[in-house]
Amino acid sequence: MLARVSQSQQQVHDADLIARAVAALSLATLAVIHTVDLPGTLGPTPLVGIGYFGIIAAAMLAGGAMIIRSHWLVWAVAGGLAAFAMGGYILTRALSGGFLGDHGDVGNWRCPLGIAALSVETVIILLAAVSGAWRVRARAARAAESPQALRSLPDNSSRG
């Protein structure tokens, strides 16, 4: 039983490592997309440009933290950042009066960089959600395998 638990823990560790690597690359990609689009926002829509700076900085910090350590707070920041950026894209296109002074993007749903950003943001949000589910499941498994829980299990060693 302990070998099975050890193998299961190794699989969870490996999956977490892969998820963190994909998330860190996705956060770097999100930062690059916003860096490429940044010059066009600085003059006509400075509030959008400021938001881009925030997204770029937060994506780089969260990606660096993701590489260093897997922590629920890092995943929450990454997922929240992606949701925030996605919300900004939707608001700049959906609000007829513009959002943050951006009137030029109203109805522009086919922007290639925007679609790329939405794709990357979706990956980050999904990874953050899956990571949260893994953590809940792992916590439940640890609670079930605690010494108190093991003592309450029937003793099958006396059966032939």
N, C-alpha and C. Protein backbone atom coordinates (compact mmCIF):
# COMPACT_ATOMS: atom_id res chain seq x y z
N MET A 1 0.82 -1.18 0.00
CA MET A 1 0.00 0.00 0.00
C MET A 1 0.87 1.26 0.00
N LEU A 2 1.95 1.24 0.78
CA LEU A 2 2.82 2.41 0.82
C LEU A 2 3.52 2.63 -0.50
N ALA A 3 3.86 1.55 -1.21
CA ALA A 3 4.48 1.69 -2.53
C ALA A 3 3.52 2.35 -3.51
N ARG A 4 2.23 1.97 -3.41
CA ARG A 4 1.22 2.56 -4.28
C ARG A 4 1.03 4.04 -3.95
N VAL A 5 1.04 4.39 -2.69
CA VAL A 5 0.92 5.80 -2.29
C VAL A 5 2.12 6.58 -2.78
N SER A 6 3.32 6.00 -2.64
CA SER A 6 4.53 6.66 -3.09
C SER A 6 4.51 6.88 -4.60
N GLN A 7 4.07 5.87 -5.35
CA GLN A 7 3.98 5.99 -6.80
C GLN A 7 2.95 7.05 -7.17
N SER A 8 1.83 7.08 -6.48
CA SER A 8 0.80 8.07 -6.74
C SER A 8 1.30 9.48 -6.46
N GLN A 9 2.06 9.64 -5.37
CA GLN A 9 2.61 10.95 -5.04
C GLN A 9 3.62 11.39 -6.11
N GLN A 10 4.41 10.46 -6.65
CA GLN A 10 5.36 10.79 -7.70
C GLN A 10 4.63 11.22 -8.96
N GLN A 11 3.54 10.55 -9.29
CA GLN A 11 2.75 10.92 -10.47
C GLN A 11 2.15 12.31 -10.31
N VAL A 12 1.64 12.62 -9.12
CA VAL A 12 1.09 13.94 -8.86
C VAL A 12 2.19 14.99 -8.96
N HIS A 13 3.37 14.69 -8.42
CA HIS A 13 4.50 15.62 -8.50
C HIS A 13 4.89 15.87 -9.96
N ASP A 14 4.95 14.80 -10.75
CA ASP A 14 5.31 14.94 -12.17
C ASP A 14 4.26 15.76 -12.92
N ALA A 15 3.00 15.50 -12.66
CA ALA A 15 1.93 16.24 -13.32
C ALA A 15 1.97 17.71 -12.91
N ASP A 16 2.26 17.97 -11.64
CA ASP A 16 2.36 19.36 -11.17
C ASP A 16 3.53 20.06 -11.84
N LEU A 17 4.63 19.37 -11.99
CA LEU A 17 5.81 19.95 -12.64
C LEU A 17 5.52 20.31 -14.09
N ILE A 18 4.83 19.43 -14.80
CA ILE A 18 4.46 19.69 -16.19
C ILE A 18 3.48 20.86 -16.27
N ALA A 19 2.49 20.87 -15.39
CA ALA A 19 1.50 21.95 -15.38
C ALA A 19 2.17 23.29 -15.09
N ARG A 20 3.11 23.31 -14.15
CA ARG A 20 3.82 24.55 -13.84
C ARG A 20 4.65 25.03 -15.02
N ALA A 21 5.30 24.10 -15.72
CA ALA A 21 6.11 24.47 -16.88
C ALA A 21 5.23 25.06 -17.99
N VAL A 22 4.10 24.42 -18.25
CA VAL A 22 3.18 24.92 -19.28
C VAL A 22 2.63 26.27 -18.86
N ALA A 23 2.28 26.42 -17.59
CA ALA A 23 1.75 27.70 -17.10
C ALA A 23 2.80 28.80 -17.19
N ALA A 24 4.04 28.50 -16.82
CA ALA A 24 5.09 29.51 -16.90
C ALA A 24 5.33 29.94 -18.34
N LEU A 25 5.34 28.99 -19.26
CA LEU A 25 5.49 29.33 -20.68
C LEU A 25 4.28 30.12 -21.19
N SER A 26 3.11 29.77 -20.74
CA SER A 26 1.90 30.50 -21.13
C SER A 26 1.91 31.92 -20.59
N LEU A 27 2.38 32.10 -19.37
CA LEU A 27 2.47 33.44 -18.79
C LEU A 27 3.52 34.28 -19.55
N ALA A 28 4.62 33.65 -19.93
CA ALA A 28 5.64 34.37 -20.73
C ALA A 28 5.05 34.75 -22.08
N THR A 29 4.30 33.86 -22.68
CA THR A 29 3.66 34.14 -23.96
C THR A 29 2.66 35.29 -23.83
N LEU A 30 1.91 35.30 -22.76
CA LEU A 30 0.95 36.38 -22.50
C LEU A 30 1.69 37.71 -22.39
N ALA A 31 2.82 37.71 -21.71
CA ALA A 31 3.61 38.93 -21.58
C ALA A 31 4.15 39.38 -22.95
N VAL A 32 4.60 38.44 -23.76
CA VAL A 32 5.13 38.79 -25.08
C VAL A 32 4.02 39.36 -25.97
N ILE A 33 2.86 38.75 -25.96
CA ILE A 33 1.74 39.24 -26.77
C ILE A 33 1.42 40.68 -26.40
N HIS A 34 1.36 40.98 -25.11
CA HIS A 34 1.04 42.34 -24.68
C HIS A 34 2.19 43.31 -24.95
N THR A 35 3.41 42.81 -24.92
CA THR A 35 4.57 43.65 -25.26
C THR A 35 4.52 44.04 -26.74
N VAL A 36 4.19 43.09 -27.60
CA VAL A 36 4.09 43.36 -29.04
C VAL A 36 3.00 44.39 -29.32
N ASP A 37 1.89 44.29 -28.62
CA ASP A 37 0.75 45.19 -28.86
C ASP A 37 0.87 46.52 -28.10
N LEU A 38 1.81 46.61 -27.18
CA LEU A 38 1.95 47.78 -26.31
C LEU A 38 2.16 49.11 -27.05
N PRO A 39 3.05 49.21 -28.03
CA PRO A 39 3.30 50.52 -28.65
C PRO A 39 2.05 51.19 -29.22
N GLY A 40 1.13 50.41 -29.74
CA GLY A 40 -0.09 50.97 -30.30
C GLY A 40 -1.06 51.50 -29.27
N THR A 41 -0.83 51.18 -28.00
CA THR A 41 -1.75 51.63 -26.95
C THR A 41 -1.23 52.83 -26.17
N LEU A 42 0.03 53.11 -26.29
CA LEU A 42 0.61 54.17 -25.45
C LEU A 42 0.12 55.56 -25.81
N GLY A 43 -0.03 55.84 -27.09
CA GLY A 43 -0.45 57.19 -27.50
C GLY A 43 -1.95 57.41 -27.37
N PRO A 44 -2.72 56.68 -28.17
CA PRO A 44 -4.16 56.96 -28.21
C PRO A 44 -4.94 56.50 -26.99
N THR A 45 -4.52 55.42 -26.35
CA THR A 45 -5.27 54.87 -25.20
C THR A 45 -4.29 54.59 -24.06
N PRO A 46 -3.86 55.65 -23.36
CA PRO A 46 -2.85 55.44 -22.31
C PRO A 46 -3.33 54.56 -21.16
N LEU A 47 -4.62 54.54 -20.87
CA LEU A 47 -5.10 53.68 -19.78
C LEU A 47 -4.96 52.20 -20.15
N VAL A 48 -5.21 51.89 -21.41
CA VAL A 48 -5.01 50.51 -21.87
C VAL A 48 -3.52 50.17 -21.81
N GLY A 49 -2.66 51.10 -22.20
CA GLY A 49 -1.21 50.88 -22.13
C GLY A 49 -0.75 50.62 -20.70
N ILE A 50 -1.30 51.36 -19.76
CA ILE A 50 -0.95 51.14 -18.34
C ILE A 50 -1.41 49.74 -17.91
N GLY A 51 -2.60 49.35 -18.37
CA GLY A 51 -3.07 47.99 -18.08
C GLY A 51 -2.16 46.94 -18.66
N TYR A 52 -1.66 47.21 -19.87
CA TYR A 52 -0.73 46.28 -20.50
C TYR A 52 0.56 46.15 -19.68
N PHE A 53 1.07 47.27 -19.20
CA PHE A 53 2.27 47.20 -18.35
C PHE A 53 2.00 46.34 -17.12
N GLY A 54 0.82 46.51 -16.53
CA GLY A 54 0.46 45.69 -15.37
C GLY A 54 0.38 44.21 -15.71
N ILE A 55 -0.22 43.89 -16.84
CA ILE A 55 -0.33 42.49 -17.27
C ILE A 55 1.06 41.90 -17.53
N ILE A 56 1.90 42.66 -18.20
CA ILE A 56 3.26 42.19 -18.52
C ILE A 56 4.04 41.91 -17.23
N ALA A 57 4.02 42.88 -16.31
CA ALA A 57 4.77 42.71 -15.06
C ALA A 57 4.22 41.56 -14.23
N ALA A 58 2.90 41.50 -14.09
CA ALA A 58 2.30 40.43 -13.28
C ALA A 58 2.54 39.06 -13.91
N ALA A 59 2.48 38.97 -15.24
CA ALA A 59 2.72 37.69 -15.91
C ALA A 59 4.15 37.21 -15.69
N MET A 60 5.11 38.14 -15.77
CA MET A 60 6.50 37.75 -15.56
C MET A 60 6.76 37.34 -14.11
N LEU A 61 6.20 38.08 -13.17
CA LEU A 61 6.37 37.72 -11.75
C LEU A 61 5.70 36.39 -11.43
N ALA A 62 4.47 36.20 -11.91
CA ALA A 62 3.77 34.95 -11.64
C ALA A 62 4.47 33.78 -12.31
N GLY A 63 4.98 33.98 -13.53
CA GLY A 63 5.71 32.92 -14.22
C GLY A 63 6.98 32.55 -13.48
N GLY A 64 7.70 33.55 -12.98
CA GLY A 64 8.90 33.27 -12.19
C GLY A 64 8.58 32.53 -10.91
N ALA A 65 7.51 32.96 -10.24
CA ALA A 65 7.10 32.27 -9.01
C ALA A 65 6.64 30.85 -9.31
N MET A 66 6.00 30.65 -10.46
CA MET A 66 5.52 29.32 -10.87
C MET A 66 6.70 28.37 -11.07
N ILE A 67 7.80 28.89 -11.60
CA ILE A 67 8.99 28.07 -11.82
C ILE A 67 9.62 27.67 -10.48
N ILE A 68 9.63 28.60 -9.54
CA ILE A 68 10.29 28.37 -8.26
C ILE A 68 9.53 27.38 -7.38
N ARG A 69 8.20 27.55 -7.32
CA ARG A 69 7.44 26.76 -6.35
C ARG A 69 5.98 26.64 -6.76
N SER A 70 5.41 25.50 -6.50
CA SER A 70 3.98 25.32 -6.71
C SER A 70 3.25 25.69 -5.43
N HIS A 71 2.45 26.71 -5.50
CA HIS A 71 1.70 27.17 -4.34
C HIS A 71 0.33 27.62 -4.80
N TRP A 72 -0.67 27.41 -4.00
CA TRP A 72 -2.03 27.75 -4.40
C TRP A 72 -2.16 29.24 -4.71
N LEU A 73 -1.41 30.08 -4.01
CA LEU A 73 -1.50 31.52 -4.23
C LEU A 73 -0.93 31.90 -5.60
N VAL A 74 0.14 31.24 -6.03
CA VAL A 74 0.72 31.51 -7.35
C VAL A 74 -0.28 31.11 -8.44
N TRP A 75 -0.92 29.96 -8.25
CA TRP A 75 -1.93 29.53 -9.22
C TRP A 75 -3.11 30.50 -9.23
N ALA A 76 -3.51 30.98 -8.07
CA ALA A 76 -4.62 31.93 -8.00
C ALA A 76 -4.28 33.24 -8.71
N VAL A 77 -3.06 33.71 -8.51
CA VAL A 77 -2.62 34.94 -9.20
C VAL A 77 -2.60 34.72 -10.70
N ALA A 78 -2.06 33.60 -11.15
CA ALA A 78 -2.00 33.32 -12.59
C ALA A 78 -3.39 33.23 -13.20
N GLY A 79 -4.27 32.50 -12.56
CA GLY A 79 -5.64 32.38 -13.07
C GLY A 79 -6.38 33.70 -13.03
N GLY A 80 -6.19 34.46 -11.94
CA GLY A 80 -6.83 35.77 -11.83
C GLY A 80 -6.32 36.75 -12.87
N LEU A 81 -5.03 36.74 -13.11
CA LEU A 81 -4.44 37.61 -14.12
C LEU A 81 -5.01 37.28 -15.50
N ALA A 82 -5.08 36.00 -15.83
CA ALA A 82 -5.61 35.60 -17.13
C ALA A 82 -7.08 36.00 -17.26
N ALA A 83 -7.85 35.82 -16.20
CA ALA A 83 -9.26 36.22 -16.23
C ALA A 83 -9.39 37.74 -16.36
N PHE A 84 -8.54 38.48 -15.67
CA PHE A 84 -8.54 39.95 -15.75
C PHE A 84 -8.22 40.41 -17.18
N ALA A 85 -7.20 39.83 -17.78
CA ALA A 85 -6.81 40.21 -19.14
C ALA A 85 -7.91 39.84 -20.13
N MET A 86 -8.51 38.67 -19.95
CA MET A 86 -9.60 38.24 -20.82
C MET A 86 -10.79 39.19 -20.68
N GLY A 87 -11.08 39.57 -19.46
CA GLY A 87 -12.17 40.52 -19.22
C GLY A 87 -11.91 41.86 -19.89
N GLY A 88 -10.67 42.33 -19.86
CA GLY A 88 -10.32 43.58 -20.53
C GLY A 88 -10.54 43.49 -22.02
N TYR A 89 -10.15 42.38 -22.62
CA TYR A 89 -10.35 42.19 -24.06
C TYR A 89 -11.84 42.23 -24.38
N ILE A 90 -12.63 41.53 -23.61
CA ILE A 90 -14.07 41.47 -23.87
C ILE A 90 -14.70 42.86 -23.70
N LEU A 91 -14.32 43.57 -22.63
CA LEU A 91 -14.90 44.89 -22.40
C LEU A 91 -14.53 45.90 -23.49
N THR A 92 -13.29 45.85 -23.98
CA THR A 92 -12.89 46.81 -25.01
C THR A 92 -13.62 46.55 -26.32
N ARG A 93 -14.10 45.36 -26.53
CA ARG A 93 -14.82 45.05 -27.76
C ARG A 93 -16.33 45.13 -27.61
N ALA A 94 -16.83 44.87 -26.43
CA ALA A 94 -18.28 44.74 -26.24
C ALA A 94 -18.98 46.05 -25.87
N LEU A 95 -18.31 46.95 -25.14
CA LEU A 95 -18.97 48.18 -24.71
C LEU A 95 -19.00 49.18 -25.85
N SER A 96 -20.17 49.60 -26.23
CA SER A 96 -20.32 50.47 -27.41
C SER A 96 -19.61 51.81 -27.22
N GLY A 97 -19.50 52.29 -26.00
CA GLY A 97 -18.82 53.56 -25.75
C GLY A 97 -17.33 53.41 -25.56
N GLY A 98 -16.83 52.19 -25.69
CA GLY A 98 -15.41 51.95 -25.46
C GLY A 98 -15.15 51.68 -23.99
N PHE A 99 -13.99 51.17 -23.70
CA PHE A 99 -13.59 50.86 -22.32
C PHE A 99 -12.19 51.42 -22.13
N LEU A 100 -12.00 52.18 -21.09
CA LEU A 100 -10.73 52.83 -20.80
C LEU A 100 -10.27 53.73 -21.95
N GLY A 101 -11.21 54.32 -22.61
CA GLY A 101 -10.90 55.23 -23.70
C GLY A 101 -10.60 54.56 -25.02
N ASP A 102 -10.75 53.26 -25.11
CA ASP A 102 -10.45 52.52 -26.33
C ASP A 102 -11.72 52.38 -27.17
N HIS A 103 -11.92 53.32 -28.09
CA HIS A 103 -13.09 53.29 -28.95
C HIS A 103 -12.80 52.56 -30.26
N GLY A 104 -11.54 52.43 -30.62
CA GLY A 104 -11.16 51.82 -31.89
C GLY A 104 -11.35 50.32 -31.95
N ASP A 105 -11.39 49.65 -30.81
CA ASP A 105 -11.50 48.18 -30.81
C ASP A 105 -12.93 47.68 -30.64
N VAL A 106 -13.89 48.58 -30.52
CA VAL A 106 -15.28 48.14 -30.35
C VAL A 106 -15.69 47.31 -31.57
N GLY A 107 -16.12 46.08 -31.31
CA GLY A 107 -16.54 45.18 -32.37
C GLY A 107 -15.41 44.47 -33.09
N ASN A 108 -14.16 44.73 -32.75
CA ASN A 108 -13.00 44.11 -33.41
C ASN A 108 -12.67 42.77 -32.75
N TRP A 109 -13.50 41.78 -32.98
CA TRP A 109 -13.34 40.48 -32.34
C TRP A 109 -12.33 39.59 -33.04
N ARG A 110 -11.86 39.97 -34.21
CA ARG A 110 -10.96 39.11 -35.00
C ARG A 110 -9.51 39.57 -34.96
N CYS A 111 -9.13 40.30 -33.96
CA CYS A 111 -7.74 40.76 -33.82
C CYS A 111 -6.85 39.54 -33.56
N PRO A 112 -5.86 39.27 -34.43
CA PRO A 112 -5.02 38.07 -34.27
C PRO A 112 -4.30 38.01 -32.92
N LEU A 113 -3.74 39.13 -32.47
CA LEU A 113 -3.07 39.11 -31.16
C LEU A 113 -4.07 38.89 -30.03
N GLY A 114 -5.27 39.45 -30.19
CA GLY A 114 -6.31 39.25 -29.18
C GLY A 114 -6.75 37.80 -29.09
N ILE A 115 -6.90 37.17 -30.23
CA ILE A 115 -7.29 35.76 -30.25
C ILE A 115 -6.17 34.90 -29.65
N ALA A 116 -4.93 35.22 -29.97
CA ALA A 116 -3.80 34.49 -29.38
C ALA A 116 -3.79 34.67 -27.86
N ALA A 117 -4.03 35.91 -27.41
CA ALA A 117 -4.05 36.17 -25.96
C ALA A 117 -5.19 35.40 -25.30
N LEU A 118 -6.37 35.41 -25.92
CA LEU A 118 -7.50 34.66 -25.35
C LEU A 118 -7.19 33.17 -25.24
N SER A 119 -6.51 32.63 -26.24
CA SER A 119 -6.15 31.21 -26.21
C SER A 119 -5.20 30.91 -25.06
N VAL A 120 -4.18 31.73 -24.90
CA VAL A 120 -3.20 31.53 -23.83
C VAL A 120 -3.88 31.73 -22.46
N GLU A 121 -4.72 32.73 -22.36
CA GLU A 121 -5.42 32.99 -21.09
C GLU A 121 -6.32 31.82 -20.72
N THR A 122 -6.96 31.21 -21.72
CA THR A 122 -7.80 30.04 -21.46
C THR A 122 -6.97 28.89 -20.91
N VAL A 123 -5.80 28.67 -21.49
CA VAL A 123 -4.91 27.60 -21.00
C VAL A 123 -4.53 27.86 -19.54
N ILE A 124 -4.18 29.10 -19.23
CA ILE A 124 -3.77 29.45 -17.85
C ILE A 124 -4.92 29.23 -16.88
N ILE A 125 -6.11 29.68 -17.25
CA ILE A 125 -7.28 29.51 -16.37
C ILE A 125 -7.58 28.04 -16.15
N LEU A 126 -7.54 27.24 -17.22
CA LEU A 126 -7.80 25.81 -17.08
C LEU A 126 -6.75 25.13 -16.20
N LEU A 127 -5.48 25.48 -16.39
CA LEU A 127 -4.42 24.89 -15.56
C LEU A 127 -4.60 25.27 -14.09
N ALA A 128 -4.96 26.52 -13.84
CA ALA A 128 -5.18 26.96 -12.46
C ALA A 128 -6.35 26.20 -11.83
N ALA A 129 -7.41 25.99 -12.60
CA ALA A 129 -8.57 25.26 -12.09
C ALA A 129 -8.22 23.80 -11.81
N VAL A 130 -7.49 23.18 -12.73
CA VAL A 130 -7.08 21.78 -12.54
C VAL A 130 -6.15 21.66 -11.34
N SER A 131 -5.24 22.61 -11.19
CA SER A 131 -4.33 22.59 -10.04
C SER A 131 -5.11 22.69 -8.74
N GLY A 132 -6.11 23.54 -8.72
CA GLY A 132 -6.95 23.66 -7.52
C GLY A 132 -7.68 22.36 -7.22
N ALA A 133 -8.18 21.72 -8.27
CA ALA A 133 -8.88 20.44 -8.08
C ALA A 133 -7.92 19.37 -7.57
N TRP A 134 -6.68 19.35 -8.11
CA TRP A 134 -5.68 18.39 -7.63
C TRP A 134 -5.40 18.60 -6.16
N ARG A 135 -5.28 19.86 -5.76
CA ARG A 135 -4.97 20.16 -4.36
C ARG A 135 -6.09 19.70 -3.44
N VAL A 136 -7.32 19.92 -3.84
CA VAL A 136 -8.46 19.48 -3.03
C VAL A 136 -8.47 17.96 -2.93
N ARG A 137 -8.24 17.30 -4.06
CA ARG A 137 -8.23 15.83 -4.07
C ARG A 137 -7.08 15.28 -3.23
N ALA A 138 -5.91 15.89 -3.34
CA ALA A 138 -4.76 15.43 -2.55
C ALA A 138 -5.00 15.62 -1.06
N ARG A 139 -5.61 16.75 -0.71
CA ARG A 139 -5.91 17.00 0.70
C ARG A 139 -6.89 15.96 1.24
N ALA A 140 -7.89 15.61 0.43
CA ALA A 140 -8.86 14.59 0.84
C ALA A 140 -8.19 13.23 0.98
N ALA A 141 -7.28 12.91 0.05
CA ALA A 141 -6.58 11.63 0.11
C ALA A 141 -5.68 11.55 1.34
N ARG A 142 -4.99 12.67 1.65
CA ARG A 142 -4.14 12.68 2.86
C ARG A 142 -4.98 12.52 4.12
N ALA A 143 -6.13 13.15 4.13
CA ALA A 143 -7.00 13.02 5.30
C ALA A 143 -7.50 11.59 5.45
N ALA A 144 -7.79 10.95 4.34
CA ALA A 144 -8.27 9.57 4.38
C ALA A 144 -7.18 8.59 4.80
N GLU A 145 -5.92 8.94 4.54
CA GLU A 145 -4.81 8.05 4.86
C GLU A 145 -4.15 8.38 6.19
N SER A 146 -4.73 9.28 6.92
CA SER A 146 -4.14 9.64 8.21
C SER A 146 -4.19 8.44 9.15
N PRO A 147 -3.31 8.41 10.14
CA PRO A 147 -3.28 7.26 11.06
C PRO A 147 -4.64 7.01 11.72
N GLN A 148 -5.36 8.06 12.04
CA GLN A 148 -6.66 7.88 12.67
C GLN A 148 -7.62 7.19 11.71
N ALA A 149 -7.61 7.58 10.45
CA ALA A 149 -8.47 6.96 9.46
C ALA A 149 -8.06 5.51 9.20
N LEU A 150 -6.75 5.24 9.20
CA LEU A 150 -6.27 3.87 8.98
C LEU A 150 -6.65 2.95 10.12
N ARG A 151 -6.66 3.46 11.35
CA ARG A 151 -7.04 2.63 12.49
C ARG A 151 -8.51 2.23 12.43
N SER A 152 -9.33 3.03 11.78
CA SER A 152 -10.77 2.73 11.72
C SER A 152 -11.11 1.73 10.64
N LEU A 153 -10.11 1.38 9.76
CA LEU A 153 -10.36 0.40 8.72
C LEU A 153 -10.37 -0.99 9.32
N PRO A 154 -11.17 -1.91 8.75
CA PRO A 154 -11.19 -3.29 9.26
C PRO A 154 -9.85 -3.96 9.02
N ASP A 155 -9.46 -4.82 9.93
CA ASP A 155 -8.18 -5.54 9.83
C ASP A 155 -8.40 -6.78 8.98
N ASN A 156 -7.81 -6.78 7.79
CA ASN A 156 -7.96 -7.91 6.87
C ASN A 156 -6.82 -8.91 6.97
N SER A 157 -5.84 -8.66 7.85
CA SER A 157 -4.67 -9.55 7.93
C SER A 157 -5.01 -10.90 8.53
N SER A 158 -6.09 -11.01 9.32
CA SER A 158 -6.41 -12.28 9.96
C SER A 158 -7.21 -13.20 9.05
N ARG A 159 -7.67 -12.65 7.93
CA ARG A 159 -8.44 -13.48 7.00
C ARG A 159 -7.51 -14.27 6.11
N GLY A 160 -7.91 -15.45 5.71
CA GLY A 160 -7.07 -16.36 4.93
C GLY A 160 -7.34 -16.28 3.54
